[in-house]
Amino acid sequence: MSKARKLSLAGAVLHITLILVGGYFGLSAIQGDSGLFQRIQVEAEAEELRLELAALQAETSHLETLTRRMSDDFLDLDLLDEQAREILGYLRSDEIVLR
């Protein structure tokens, strides 16, 4: 009878050890450095960066268009007038300024 008891005690210890090891690896798979939560966080950050990249590309495109319109090859007089008024504060002699 004592031999059967030793086997059942060894079996119980083995089962408990396997459950603890499995629980450790399961927890690591969810919360570890390469776990599920970390992956979700990295994917969310990647999406934010993609949106920021799209906004920066749109702004760059707009600034490239403005730069091209102010170049020597293609001078947009309306844009030049707008920039002179806004940045330098220029006015025509027939204009009246209200403040």
N, C-alpha and C. Protein backbone atom coordinates (compact mmCIF):
# COMPACT_ATOMS: atom_id res chain seq x y z
N MET A 1 0.81 -1.19 0.00
CA MET A 1 0.00 0.00 0.00
C MET A 1 0.86 1.26 0.00
N SER A 2 1.98 1.21 0.67
CA SER A 2 2.83 2.39 0.73
C SER A 2 3.45 2.69 -0.63
N LYS A 3 3.67 1.65 -1.45
CA LYS A 3 4.22 1.85 -2.78
C LYS A 3 3.21 2.60 -3.67
N ALA A 4 1.95 2.24 -3.57
CA ALA A 4 0.90 2.92 -4.34
C ALA A 4 0.76 4.36 -3.89
N ARG A 5 0.94 4.58 -2.59
CA ARG A 5 0.83 5.93 -2.05
C ARG A 5 1.98 6.80 -2.54
N LYS A 6 3.20 6.22 -2.62
CA LYS A 6 4.34 6.95 -3.12
C LYS A 6 4.14 7.31 -4.59
N LEU A 7 3.56 6.40 -5.36
CA LEU A 7 3.30 6.69 -6.76
C LEU A 7 2.25 7.78 -6.92
N SER A 8 1.22 7.74 -6.10
CA SER A 8 0.20 8.78 -6.23
C SER A 8 0.74 10.13 -5.77
N LEU A 9 1.61 10.15 -4.73
CA LEU A 9 2.21 11.39 -4.28
C LEU A 9 3.16 11.93 -5.36
N ALA A 10 3.95 11.06 -5.98
CA ALA A 10 4.84 11.49 -7.05
C ALA A 10 4.03 11.97 -8.26
N GLY A 11 2.93 11.30 -8.56
CA GLY A 11 2.06 11.73 -9.66
C GLY A 11 1.44 13.09 -9.39
N ALA A 12 1.04 13.33 -8.14
CA ALA A 12 0.44 14.61 -7.78
C ALA A 12 1.48 15.72 -7.90
N VAL A 13 2.71 15.46 -7.42
CA VAL A 13 3.77 16.46 -7.52
C VAL A 13 4.07 16.73 -8.99
N LEU A 14 4.10 15.69 -9.81
CA LEU A 14 4.35 15.86 -11.23
C LEU A 14 3.25 16.70 -11.89
N HIS A 15 2.00 16.40 -11.56
CA HIS A 15 0.88 17.17 -12.13
C HIS A 15 0.93 18.63 -11.70
N ILE A 16 1.21 18.87 -10.42
CA ILE A 16 1.28 20.25 -9.92
C ILE A 16 2.43 20.99 -10.60
N THR A 17 3.57 20.33 -10.75
CA THR A 17 4.71 20.95 -11.42
C THR A 17 4.38 21.29 -12.87
N LEU A 18 3.74 20.36 -13.56
CA LEU A 18 3.36 20.62 -14.96
C LEU A 18 2.35 21.76 -15.07
N ILE A 19 1.43 21.82 -14.13
CA ILE A 19 0.44 22.91 -14.14
C ILE A 19 1.12 24.25 -13.89
N LEU A 20 2.05 24.28 -12.95
CA LEU A 20 2.76 25.54 -12.67
C LEU A 20 3.63 25.97 -13.84
N VAL A 21 4.34 25.03 -14.47
CA VAL A 21 5.17 25.37 -15.63
C VAL A 21 4.29 25.84 -16.79
N GLY A 22 3.18 25.15 -17.02
CA GLY A 22 2.25 25.56 -18.07
C GLY A 22 1.66 26.93 -17.80
N GLY A 23 1.33 27.19 -16.53
CA GLY A 23 0.81 28.51 -16.16
C GLY A 23 1.84 29.61 -16.37
N TYR A 24 3.09 29.31 -16.04
CA TYR A 24 4.16 30.29 -16.24
C TYR A 24 4.31 30.63 -17.72
N PHE A 25 4.37 29.60 -18.57
CA PHE A 25 4.52 29.86 -20.00
C PHE A 25 3.27 30.52 -20.59
N GLY A 26 2.11 30.18 -20.08
CA GLY A 26 0.88 30.83 -20.54
C GLY A 26 0.86 32.31 -20.18
N LEU A 27 1.26 32.61 -18.96
CA LEU A 27 1.32 34.01 -18.52
C LEU A 27 2.36 34.78 -19.31
N SER A 28 3.50 34.14 -19.59
CA SER A 28 4.53 34.80 -20.39
C SER A 28 4.04 35.05 -21.81
N ALA A 29 3.25 34.14 -22.34
CA ALA A 29 2.73 34.31 -23.70
C ALA A 29 1.75 35.48 -23.77
N ILE A 30 1.11 35.80 -22.68
CA ILE A 30 0.14 36.90 -22.68
C ILE A 30 0.79 38.22 -22.28
N GLN A 31 1.57 38.20 -21.19
CA GLN A 31 2.08 39.46 -20.64
C GLN A 31 3.58 39.65 -20.78
N GLY A 32 4.29 38.75 -21.39
CA GLY A 32 5.74 38.86 -21.47
C GLY A 32 6.20 39.93 -22.45
N ASP A 33 7.52 40.03 -22.60
CA ASP A 33 8.11 41.02 -23.50
C ASP A 33 7.67 40.81 -24.95
N SER A 34 7.44 39.59 -25.34
CA SER A 34 6.97 39.28 -26.69
C SER A 34 5.55 38.73 -26.65
N GLY A 35 4.81 39.07 -25.62
CA GLY A 35 3.48 38.53 -25.42
C GLY A 35 2.41 39.22 -26.22
N LEU A 36 1.20 38.76 -26.00
CA LEU A 36 0.03 39.25 -26.73
C LEU A 36 -0.24 40.73 -26.44
N PHE A 37 -0.17 41.13 -25.18
CA PHE A 37 -0.42 42.54 -24.83
C PHE A 37 0.62 43.46 -25.46
N GLN A 38 1.87 43.03 -25.47
CA GLN A 38 2.93 43.82 -26.09
C GLN A 38 2.69 43.96 -27.59
N ARG A 39 2.25 42.89 -28.21
CA ARG A 39 1.99 42.93 -29.66
C ARG A 39 0.85 43.90 -29.97
N ILE A 40 -0.19 43.88 -29.18
CA ILE A 40 -1.31 44.79 -29.39
C ILE A 40 -0.85 46.24 -29.23
N GLN A 41 -0.02 46.49 -28.23
CA GLN A 41 0.49 47.84 -28.01
C GLN A 41 1.38 48.29 -29.17
N VAL A 42 2.22 47.42 -29.68
CA VAL A 42 3.09 47.77 -30.80
C VAL A 42 2.27 48.04 -32.05
N GLU A 43 1.24 47.25 -32.29
CA GLU A 43 0.39 47.46 -33.47
C GLU A 43 -0.36 48.79 -33.37
N ALA A 44 -0.82 49.15 -32.17
CA ALA A 44 -1.51 50.44 -31.99
C ALA A 44 -0.54 51.60 -32.23
N GLU A 45 0.67 51.47 -31.72
CA GLU A 45 1.67 52.51 -31.94
C GLU A 45 2.04 52.63 -33.42
N ALA A 46 2.12 51.49 -34.10
CA ALA A 46 2.42 51.50 -35.54
C ALA A 46 1.31 52.22 -36.31
N GLU A 47 0.07 52.01 -35.93
CA GLU A 47 -1.04 52.68 -36.61
C GLU A 47 -0.99 54.19 -36.37
N GLU A 48 -0.66 54.61 -35.14
CA GLU A 48 -0.51 56.04 -34.86
C GLU A 48 0.61 56.64 -35.71
N LEU A 49 1.70 55.92 -35.84
CA LEU A 49 2.81 56.42 -36.64
C LEU A 49 2.47 56.47 -38.12
N ARG A 50 1.66 55.51 -38.60
CA ARG A 50 1.21 55.56 -40.00
C ARG A 50 0.36 56.80 -40.25
N LEU A 51 -0.52 57.12 -39.31
CA LEU A 51 -1.36 58.32 -39.45
C LEU A 51 -0.51 59.59 -39.42
N GLU A 52 0.47 59.62 -38.52
CA GLU A 52 1.36 60.78 -38.46
C GLU A 52 2.17 60.92 -39.74
N LEU A 53 2.62 59.79 -40.29
CA LEU A 53 3.36 59.82 -41.55
C LEU A 53 2.50 60.36 -42.68
N ALA A 54 1.25 59.93 -42.74
CA ALA A 54 0.35 60.41 -43.80
C ALA A 54 0.13 61.92 -43.67
N ALA A 55 -0.02 62.41 -42.44
CA ALA A 55 -0.21 63.85 -42.23
C ALA A 55 1.05 64.62 -42.64
N LEU A 56 2.21 64.09 -42.29
CA LEU A 56 3.46 64.76 -42.66
C LEU A 56 3.70 64.74 -44.17
N GLN A 57 3.32 63.65 -44.83
CA GLN A 57 3.45 63.59 -46.28
C GLN A 57 2.53 64.59 -46.96
N ALA A 58 1.31 64.74 -46.43
CA ALA A 58 0.39 65.73 -47.00
C ALA A 58 0.93 67.14 -46.81
N GLU A 59 1.47 67.42 -45.63
CA GLU A 59 2.06 68.74 -45.38
C GLU A 59 3.26 68.99 -46.29
N THR A 60 4.09 67.99 -46.46
CA THR A 60 5.25 68.11 -47.34
C THR A 60 4.83 68.38 -48.77
N SER A 61 3.81 67.68 -49.22
CA SER A 61 3.29 67.88 -50.58
C SER A 61 2.78 69.31 -50.76
N HIS A 62 2.07 69.81 -49.75
CA HIS A 62 1.55 71.18 -49.82
C HIS A 62 2.70 72.19 -49.88
N LEU A 63 3.71 71.98 -49.04
CA LEU A 63 4.85 72.91 -49.04
C LEU A 63 5.65 72.82 -50.34
N GLU A 64 5.76 71.63 -50.92
CA GLU A 64 6.44 71.50 -52.21
C GLU A 64 5.68 72.24 -53.30
N THR A 65 4.36 72.19 -53.24
CA THR A 65 3.54 72.92 -54.22
C THR A 65 3.75 74.42 -54.07
N LEU A 66 3.75 74.91 -52.82
CA LEU A 66 3.98 76.34 -52.60
C LEU A 66 5.38 76.75 -53.06
N THR A 67 6.35 75.91 -52.80
CA THR A 67 7.72 76.21 -53.22
C THR A 67 7.83 76.25 -54.74
N ARG A 68 7.19 75.31 -55.40
CA ARG A 68 7.22 75.29 -56.87
C ARG A 68 6.54 76.54 -57.43
N ARG A 69 5.46 76.96 -56.78
CA ARG A 69 4.74 78.14 -57.27
C ARG A 69 5.52 79.43 -57.07
N MET A 70 6.51 79.41 -56.18
CA MET A 70 7.32 80.59 -55.94
C MET A 70 8.69 80.49 -56.64
N SER A 71 8.91 79.48 -57.45
CA SER A 71 10.21 79.29 -58.09
C SER A 71 10.39 80.23 -59.29
N ASP A 72 11.60 80.27 -59.80
CA ASP A 72 11.89 81.12 -60.95
C ASP A 72 11.19 80.64 -62.22
N ASP A 73 11.02 79.33 -62.34
CA ASP A 73 10.39 78.77 -63.54
C ASP A 73 8.89 79.03 -63.59
N PHE A 74 8.25 79.10 -62.45
CA PHE A 74 6.80 79.24 -62.40
C PHE A 74 6.46 80.18 -61.25
N LEU A 75 6.23 81.43 -61.54
CA LEU A 75 5.96 82.41 -60.50
C LEU A 75 4.47 82.72 -60.46
N ASP A 76 3.84 82.41 -59.35
CA ASP A 76 2.42 82.69 -59.15
C ASP A 76 2.32 84.06 -58.48
N LEU A 77 1.85 85.04 -59.23
CA LEU A 77 1.82 86.41 -58.71
C LEU A 77 0.83 86.58 -57.56
N ASP A 78 -0.26 85.83 -57.61
CA ASP A 78 -1.22 85.91 -56.50
C ASP A 78 -0.61 85.38 -55.20
N LEU A 79 0.12 84.30 -55.29
CA LEU A 79 0.78 83.76 -54.11
C LEU A 79 1.87 84.71 -53.63
N LEU A 80 2.60 85.29 -54.55
CA LEU A 80 3.64 86.25 -54.18
C LEU A 80 3.02 87.45 -53.45
N ASP A 81 1.91 87.95 -53.96
CA ASP A 81 1.21 89.07 -53.33
C ASP A 81 0.72 88.68 -51.95
N GLU A 82 0.15 87.50 -51.83
CA GLU A 82 -0.35 87.02 -50.54
C GLU A 82 0.78 86.90 -49.51
N GLN A 83 1.91 86.34 -49.93
CA GLN A 83 3.03 86.17 -49.01
C GLN A 83 3.63 87.53 -48.61
N ALA A 84 3.72 88.45 -49.55
CA ALA A 84 4.26 89.78 -49.24
C ALA A 84 3.37 90.50 -48.25
N ARG A 85 2.08 90.35 -48.39
CA ARG A 85 1.15 90.99 -47.46
C ARG A 85 1.21 90.34 -46.07
N GLU A 86 1.23 89.02 -46.06
CA GLU A 86 1.18 88.30 -44.78
C GLU A 86 2.50 88.40 -44.01
N ILE A 87 3.60 88.15 -44.67
CA ILE A 87 4.88 88.09 -43.98
C ILE A 87 5.51 89.47 -43.81
N LEU A 88 5.51 90.26 -44.87
CA LEU A 88 6.20 91.54 -44.82
C LEU A 88 5.29 92.71 -44.45
N GLY A 89 3.99 92.48 -44.49
CA GLY A 89 3.06 93.54 -44.14
C GLY A 89 2.91 94.60 -45.23
N TYR A 90 3.16 94.24 -46.49
CA TYR A 90 3.07 95.20 -47.59
C TYR A 90 1.61 95.51 -47.92
N LEU A 91 1.39 96.74 -48.35
CA LEU A 91 0.08 97.20 -48.79
C LEU A 91 0.25 97.99 -50.07
N ARG A 92 -0.81 98.02 -50.85
CA ARG A 92 -0.79 98.89 -52.04
C ARG A 92 -1.12 100.30 -51.59
N SER A 93 -0.76 101.26 -52.40
CA SER A 93 -0.94 102.67 -52.02
C SER A 93 -2.41 103.06 -51.98
N ASP A 94 -3.28 102.33 -52.69
CA ASP A 94 -4.71 102.70 -52.70
C ASP A 94 -5.52 101.94 -51.65
N GLU A 95 -4.87 101.19 -50.75
CA GLU A 95 -5.60 100.42 -49.74
C GLU A 95 -5.65 101.18 -48.42
N ILE A 96 -6.73 100.92 -47.69
CA ILE A 96 -6.91 101.52 -46.36
C ILE A 96 -6.92 100.38 -45.35
N VAL A 97 -6.15 100.52 -44.27
CA VAL A 97 -6.05 99.49 -43.23
C VAL A 97 -6.91 99.88 -42.05
N LEU A 98 -7.78 98.96 -41.63
CA LEU A 98 -8.62 99.17 -40.46
C LEU A 98 -8.09 98.26 -39.34
N ARG A 99 -7.87 98.84 -38.16
CA ARG A 99 -7.38 98.02 -37.03
C ARG A 99 -8.32 98.10 -35.88
